[in-house]
Protein backbone atom coordinates (compact mmCIF):
# COMPACT_ATOMS: atom_id res chain seq x y z
CA MET A 1 29.50 -37.33 -38.35
CA LYS A 2 28.22 -40.52 -36.83
CA PRO A 3 24.51 -40.58 -35.84
CA ILE A 4 25.27 -41.08 -32.13
CA ARG A 5 27.68 -38.15 -32.04
CA ARG A 6 25.21 -36.03 -34.01
CA HIS A 7 22.48 -36.89 -31.49
CA ILE A 8 24.73 -36.00 -28.54
CA LEU A 9 25.71 -32.70 -30.15
CA SER A 10 22.07 -31.85 -30.83
CA SER A 11 21.14 -32.63 -27.23
CA LEU A 12 23.95 -30.43 -25.95
CA LEU A 13 22.86 -27.55 -28.18
CA LEU A 14 19.25 -27.86 -27.03
CA THR A 15 20.33 -27.91 -23.40
CA ALA A 16 22.50 -24.84 -23.89
CA ALA A 17 19.65 -23.03 -25.63
CA SER A 18 17.28 -23.79 -22.79
CA LEU A 19 19.79 -22.49 -20.25
CA LEU A 20 20.40 -19.32 -22.23
CA ALA A 21 16.70 -18.64 -22.88
CA PRO A 22 16.04 -16.88 -19.54
CA LEU A 23 19.09 -14.69 -20.15
CA VAL A 24 17.85 -13.71 -23.58
CA GLN A 25 14.42 -12.98 -22.18
CA ALA A 26 15.90 -10.83 -19.41
CA GLN A 27 18.01 -8.96 -21.92
CA ASP A 28 15.00 -8.26 -24.13
CA PHE A 29 12.61 -7.47 -21.25
CA PRO A 30 10.09 -5.94 -21.43
CA THR A 31 8.56 -7.14 -24.67
CA LYS A 32 4.99 -5.99 -24.01
CA PRO A 33 3.13 -3.50 -21.79
CA ILE A 34 3.69 -3.87 -18.06
CA THR A 35 0.73 -3.82 -15.67
CA ILE A 36 0.75 -2.42 -12.15
CA VAL A 37 -2.33 -3.72 -10.36
CA VAL A 38 -3.76 -1.38 -7.71
CA PRO A 39 -5.89 -2.92 -4.93
CA PHE A 40 -8.20 0.09 -4.65
CA SER A 41 -10.35 2.29 -6.84
CA ALA A 42 -9.06 5.06 -9.11
CA GLY A 43 -8.32 8.39 -7.45
CA GLY A 44 -7.17 6.96 -4.11
CA GLY A 45 -3.72 7.19 -2.59
CA VAL A 46 -2.28 3.96 -3.94
CA ASP A 47 -3.69 4.75 -7.38
CA VAL A 48 -2.06 8.20 -7.45
CA MET A 49 1.29 6.74 -6.40
CA ALA A 50 1.04 3.94 -8.98
CA ARG A 51 0.36 6.38 -11.81
CA LEU A 52 3.22 8.62 -10.73
CA LEU A 53 5.52 5.59 -10.75
CA ALA A 54 4.16 4.26 -14.05
CA ASP A 55 5.00 7.51 -15.84
CA LYS A 56 8.67 7.20 -14.89
CA LEU A 57 8.93 3.46 -15.50
CA ARG A 58 7.66 3.92 -19.05
CA ALA A 59 10.71 6.02 -19.85
CA SER A 60 13.31 3.92 -18.03
CA LEU A 61 12.06 0.51 -19.19
CA GLY A 62 11.14 1.59 -22.71
CA GLN A 63 7.69 0.04 -22.58
CA ASN A 64 4.17 1.20 -21.80
CA VAL A 65 3.15 0.75 -18.15
CA VAL A 66 -0.56 0.62 -17.40
CA VAL A 67 -2.36 0.84 -14.06
CA ASP A 68 -5.18 -1.64 -13.51
CA ASN A 69 -7.52 -0.97 -10.57
CA LYS A 70 -8.81 -4.14 -8.91
CA PRO A 71 -10.63 -3.02 -5.74
CA GLY A 72 -12.24 -5.38 -3.30
CA ALA A 73 -11.70 -7.36 -0.10
CA ALA A 74 -9.14 -4.89 1.32
CA GLY A 75 -6.60 -5.78 -1.32
CA ARG A 76 -7.12 -9.53 -1.47
CA VAL A 77 -8.65 -9.43 -4.97
CA ALA A 78 -5.64 -7.67 -6.49
CA LEU A 79 -3.07 -9.73 -4.62
CA GLY A 80 -4.79 -12.96 -5.57
CA GLU A 81 -4.67 -11.98 -9.23
CA VAL A 82 -0.96 -11.14 -9.13
CA LYS A 83 -0.21 -14.33 -7.21
CA ARG A 84 -1.65 -16.30 -10.14
CA SER A 85 0.19 -14.29 -12.83
CA ALA A 86 3.18 -15.53 -14.79
CA PRO A 87 6.54 -14.58 -13.21
CA ASP A 88 7.71 -12.86 -16.39
CA GLY A 89 8.06 -9.32 -15.07
CA GLN A 90 4.95 -8.11 -16.86
CA THR A 91 2.60 -7.94 -13.86
CA PHE A 92 3.11 -6.28 -10.48
CA VAL A 93 1.02 -5.04 -7.60
CA LEU A 94 1.60 -1.82 -5.67
CA SER A 95 0.28 -2.88 -2.30
CA PRO A 96 -0.26 -0.99 0.93
CA SER A 97 1.35 -2.89 3.75
CA GLY A 98 -1.90 -3.79 5.49
CA ALA A 99 -2.81 -6.52 3.03
CA LEU A 100 0.47 -8.25 3.80
CA VAL A 101 1.02 -7.53 7.50
CA VAL A 102 -2.42 -7.12 9.10
CA LEU A 103 -4.78 -9.29 7.04
CA PRO A 104 -2.75 -12.46 7.75
CA TRP A 105 -3.68 -12.11 11.44
CA LEU A 106 -7.34 -11.42 10.69
CA PHE A 107 -8.28 -14.14 8.21
CA SER A 108 -7.94 -17.87 8.70
CA ASN A 109 -8.31 -18.38 4.94
CA LEU A 110 -6.60 -15.40 3.36
CA GLY A 111 -6.15 -16.93 -0.09
CA TYR A 112 -2.42 -16.22 -0.27
CA ASP A 113 0.72 -16.53 1.80
CA PRO A 114 2.07 -12.98 2.36
CA VAL A 115 5.67 -14.18 2.20
CA LYS A 116 5.78 -17.18 -0.13
CA ASP A 117 3.31 -16.07 -2.80
CA PHE A 118 5.00 -12.83 -3.94
CA THR A 119 8.38 -11.58 -5.09
CA PRO A 120 9.37 -8.38 -3.23
CA VAL A 121 10.65 -5.87 -5.80
CA ALA A 122 10.97 -2.48 -4.11
CA ARG A 123 9.79 -0.51 -1.10
CA VAL A 124 8.43 2.74 -2.53
CA VAL A 125 7.20 5.06 0.23
CA THR A 126 6.54 5.13 3.95
CA PHE A 127 3.92 7.22 5.71
CA ASP A 128 1.89 7.85 8.83
CA PHE A 129 -1.90 8.01 8.85
CA ALA A 130 -4.08 11.10 9.00
CA LEU A 131 -7.30 11.45 10.95
CA THR A 132 -9.49 13.80 8.92
CA ALA A 133 -12.71 15.41 10.15
CA GLY A 134 -15.54 16.40 7.84
CA PRO A 135 -18.35 18.96 8.09
CA SER A 136 -20.51 16.66 10.21
CA ALA A 137 -17.83 16.54 12.95
CA PRO A 138 -17.76 19.25 15.62
CA PRO A 139 -15.10 22.00 15.53
CA GLY A 140 -11.96 21.57 17.58
CA ASP A 141 -9.11 19.09 17.86
CA ILE A 142 -9.15 15.30 17.97
CA LYS A 143 -9.87 15.34 21.73
CA ALA A 144 -12.99 17.44 21.12
CA ILE A 145 -14.12 15.08 18.38
CA MET A 146 -13.61 12.01 20.57
CA ALA A 147 -15.55 13.67 23.39
CA TRP A 148 -18.37 14.39 20.94
CA MET A 149 -18.37 10.76 19.78
CA LYS A 150 -18.56 9.58 23.38
CA ALA A 151 -21.58 11.83 23.95
CA ASN A 152 -23.18 10.81 20.63
CA PRO A 153 -22.57 7.07 20.21
CA GLY A 154 -24.93 6.88 17.25
CA LYS A 155 -22.63 9.24 15.32
CA ALA A 156 -19.33 7.66 16.39
CA ASN A 157 -18.41 6.41 12.93
CA TYR A 158 -15.17 6.48 10.96
CA GLY A 159 -14.35 5.44 7.42
CA SER A 160 -11.33 3.61 6.01
CA PRO A 161 -10.30 2.31 2.56
CA GLY A 162 -11.40 -1.20 3.44
CA ALA A 163 -12.11 -3.75 6.17
CA GLY A 164 -8.89 -5.20 7.54
CA THR A 165 -6.65 -2.41 6.26
CA VAL A 166 -4.13 -0.73 8.56
CA PRO A 167 -6.30 2.46 8.71
CA HIS A 168 -9.25 0.31 9.77
CA PHE A 169 -7.24 -1.34 12.49
CA THR A 170 -5.74 1.98 13.57
CA GLY A 171 -9.33 3.01 14.22
CA VAL A 172 -9.87 -0.13 16.31
CA LEU A 173 -6.83 0.82 18.42
CA LEU A 174 -8.10 4.41 18.68
CA SER A 175 -11.49 3.20 19.86
CA GLN A 176 -9.90 0.95 22.47
CA GLY A 177 -7.35 3.54 23.58
CA ALA A 178 -9.97 6.24 24.01
CA GLY A 179 -12.51 3.89 25.57
CA ILE A 180 -15.14 4.97 23.04
CA PRO A 181 -17.08 2.45 20.93
CA MET A 182 -16.64 3.49 17.29
CA THR A 183 -18.35 1.96 14.26
CA HIS A 184 -16.16 1.25 11.26
CA VAL A 185 -17.46 2.01 7.76
CA ALA A 186 -15.50 0.15 5.08
CA TYR A 187 -15.08 1.57 1.58
CA LYS A 188 -13.48 0.24 -1.59
CA GLY A 189 -10.59 2.67 -1.50
CA GLY A 190 -9.83 6.13 -0.21
CA ALA A 191 -11.67 8.20 -2.81
CA PRO A 192 -15.18 6.88 -1.96
CA SER A 193 -14.61 7.45 1.77
CA VAL A 194 -13.49 11.03 1.18
CA HIS A 195 -16.56 11.62 -1.00
CA ASP A 196 -18.81 10.64 1.90
CA LEU A 197 -16.66 12.62 4.35
CA LEU A 198 -17.11 15.77 2.25
CA GLY A 199 -20.83 15.05 2.00
CA GLY A 200 -21.25 14.73 5.76
CA GLN A 201 -22.28 11.07 5.72
CA ILE A 202 -19.43 10.21 8.10
CA PRO A 203 -17.59 12.51 10.54
CA LEU A 204 -14.09 11.02 10.40
CA VAL A 205 -11.80 9.15 7.99
CA ILE A 206 -8.51 7.43 8.78
CA ASP A 207 -6.22 6.99 5.79
CA THR A 208 -2.98 8.18 4.23
CA PRO A 209 -2.52 11.97 4.25
CA LEU A 210 -2.53 11.80 0.45
CA GLU A 211 -6.29 11.19 0.45
CA THR A 212 -7.27 14.43 2.17
CA ILE A 213 -4.29 16.78 2.26
CA GLU A 214 -5.47 18.97 -0.63
CA HIS A 215 -8.95 19.26 0.88
CA HIS A 216 -7.28 20.18 4.18
CA ARG A 217 -5.23 22.90 2.50
CA ALA A 218 -8.36 24.21 0.78
CA GLY A 219 -10.25 24.37 4.07
CA LYS A 220 -12.89 21.83 3.02
CA LEU A 221 -11.73 19.18 5.50
CA ARG A 222 -9.56 19.20 8.63
CA ILE A 223 -6.71 16.81 9.30
CA VAL A 224 -6.81 16.86 13.09
CA ALA A 225 -4.07 14.37 13.94
CA VAL A 226 -1.41 12.10 12.46
CA THR A 227 -0.21 8.76 13.82
CA GLY A 228 3.57 9.12 13.62
CA GLU A 229 6.16 9.56 16.33
CA GLN A 230 6.72 13.05 14.94
CA ARG A 231 4.69 15.51 12.91
CA THR A 232 4.51 14.93 9.16
CA LYS A 233 6.76 17.14 7.03
CA ALA A 234 3.90 18.20 4.77
CA LEU A 235 1.62 18.96 7.76
CA PRO A 236 3.75 20.73 10.37
CA GLU A 237 0.67 22.36 11.89
CA VAL A 238 -1.04 19.03 12.69
CA PRO A 239 -0.23 17.34 16.03
CA THR A 240 0.39 13.65 16.52
CA LEU A 241 -2.02 11.51 18.50
CA LYS A 242 0.65 11.20 21.18
CA GLU A 243 0.82 14.98 21.48
CA SER A 244 -2.95 14.96 21.88
CA GLY A 245 -2.75 12.54 24.80
CA ILE A 246 -3.76 9.43 22.85
CA PRO A 247 -0.86 6.92 23.05
CA ILE A 248 -1.15 5.43 19.56
CA VAL A 249 1.64 5.37 16.98
CA GLY A 250 1.43 3.78 13.55
CA ASP A 251 3.09 3.87 10.17
CA ALA A 252 2.96 1.86 6.98
CA PHE A 253 4.48 1.52 3.51
CA PHE A 254 3.69 0.86 -0.13
CA GLY A 255 5.61 -1.99 -1.71
CA LEU A 256 5.92 -3.19 -5.30
CA TYR A 257 5.59 -6.96 -5.61
CA GLY A 258 5.61 -9.46 -8.46
CA PRO A 259 4.28 -13.00 -8.71
CA PRO A 260 6.20 -15.80 -6.97
CA GLY A 261 9.26 -17.14 -8.72
CA MET A 262 10.28 -14.02 -10.63
CA PRO A 263 13.86 -14.31 -11.97
CA ALA A 264 16.33 -12.32 -9.90
CA ASP A 265 17.65 -10.37 -12.88
CA LEU A 266 14.20 -9.13 -13.89
CA THR A 267 13.39 -8.27 -10.29
CA ALA A 268 16.62 -6.32 -9.95
CA ARG A 269 16.06 -4.42 -13.18
CA VAL A 270 12.59 -3.23 -12.19
CA SER A 271 13.81 -2.44 -8.68
CA ARG A 272 16.58 -0.24 -10.08
CA ALA A 273 14.03 1.54 -12.27
CA VAL A 274 11.93 2.31 -9.18
CA ALA A 275 15.02 3.61 -7.37
CA ASP A 276 15.84 5.89 -10.30
CA ALA A 277 12.27 7.18 -10.41
CA LEU A 278 12.23 8.07 -6.72
CA LYS A 279 15.51 10.01 -7.07
CA GLN A 280 14.01 12.41 -9.58
CA PRO A 281 13.23 15.75 -7.89
CA ASP A 282 9.79 16.12 -9.46
CA VAL A 283 8.81 12.70 -8.11
CA SER A 284 10.22 13.15 -4.60
CA ASP A 285 8.78 16.68 -4.32
CA LYS A 286 5.35 15.39 -5.36
CA ILE A 287 5.52 12.52 -2.87
CA PHE A 288 6.46 14.86 0.00
CA SER A 289 3.67 17.26 -0.97
CA LEU A 290 1.18 14.41 -0.61
CA GLY A 291 2.24 13.68 2.95
CA LEU A 292 4.27 10.59 2.06
CA THR A 293 8.02 9.96 2.27
CA PRO A 294 10.11 8.48 -0.57
CA ALA A 295 11.76 5.42 0.95
CA TYR A 296 13.27 3.21 -1.74
CA GLY A 297 14.40 -0.20 -0.60
CA SER A 298 15.58 -3.19 -2.62
CA GLY A 299 13.58 -6.38 -2.78
CA ASP A 300 15.50 -7.73 0.21
CA GLU A 301 14.93 -4.53 2.15
CA LEU A 302 11.22 -4.63 1.33
CA ALA A 303 11.06 -8.22 2.58
CA ALA A 304 12.78 -7.20 5.83
CA THR A 305 10.42 -4.24 6.32
CA GLN A 306 7.42 -6.47 5.68
CA SER A 307 8.69 -9.06 8.16
CA ALA A 308 9.15 -6.43 10.89
CA HIS A 309 5.65 -5.01 10.36
CA LEU A 310 4.14 -8.50 10.27
CA LYS A 311 5.62 -9.20 13.71
CA ARG A 312 4.61 -5.77 15.00
CA TRP A 313 0.91 -6.23 14.22
CA GLU A 314 0.53 -9.82 15.47
CA GLY A 315 0.17 -8.94 19.15
CA PRO A 316 -2.17 -5.95 18.80
CA VAL A 317 -4.45 -7.75 16.35
CA LYS A 318 -4.73 -10.91 18.42
CA SER A 319 -5.15 -9.09 21.72
CA SER A 320 -7.86 -6.82 20.32
CA GLY A 321 -10.28 -9.68 19.83
CA PHE A 322 -11.24 -8.22 16.45
CA LYS A 323 -12.45 -10.78 13.94
CA ALA A 324 -12.70 -10.24 10.20
CA GLU A 325 -16.15 -10.50 8.71
């Protein structure tokens, strides 16, 4: 074979190999443990959901799946880390919607673009928020608690899993809607806020029902209202804020995201694994019992849900005059 022809053939083979490489990688994926980064501390709602999901993904993907808690800055620490990760399908973040639909309207320098800097993989669950009263709150319903806060402004505090989260901003709307100044206490996740709620350091926490539903069932705490249009399936005895005469409605979601530029085939494979996990009765029953709703959506459906929530929160956040610290 002449040298020129040999060179051309070699070049063609190298080009073909480079084109086939992503396919081979996708076929062999995953080749090492997968990490799901959680933006809040261990024991909180997102953490529980991530570990439930990780158990099922281990079996369907044939590789160990570890949960890595990266609390801080209302989710910005975890999202920033995943944004900088390689798009090889080995690193994901299970993010509450607030970090991607509320924080963009609160921070002029967020550190990431909520749309361009992540690959939507799957919508996992949707949920309303629960307003939970602790032992330092007075007895009675949410109206009685708000009346008590109005009469005791020094005690009108509420906790959330972080500054700038949807629960935090739900509290801002509650304060405005009720005409009662309320002081927000930010925590690094749901578990620390519930600890202080049980200890009487704060009278009220706003978060996912998952954080306090077991304490509510045990009689240690009281979920006094939820933020949905209708009552939550797992809490049929608890009224909505609207039923209580407070015209506030809010819901949110958890979404699984990868770094920007993830190959479509890897994204689709992980998304299908999430769908399969959510179909399993033990998973869906557990999710319902925690006050959440299984709500699988493809990557495209997650992107559409995120876009709708991003538009929904723009007006309320801007009109509130609230500024992030």
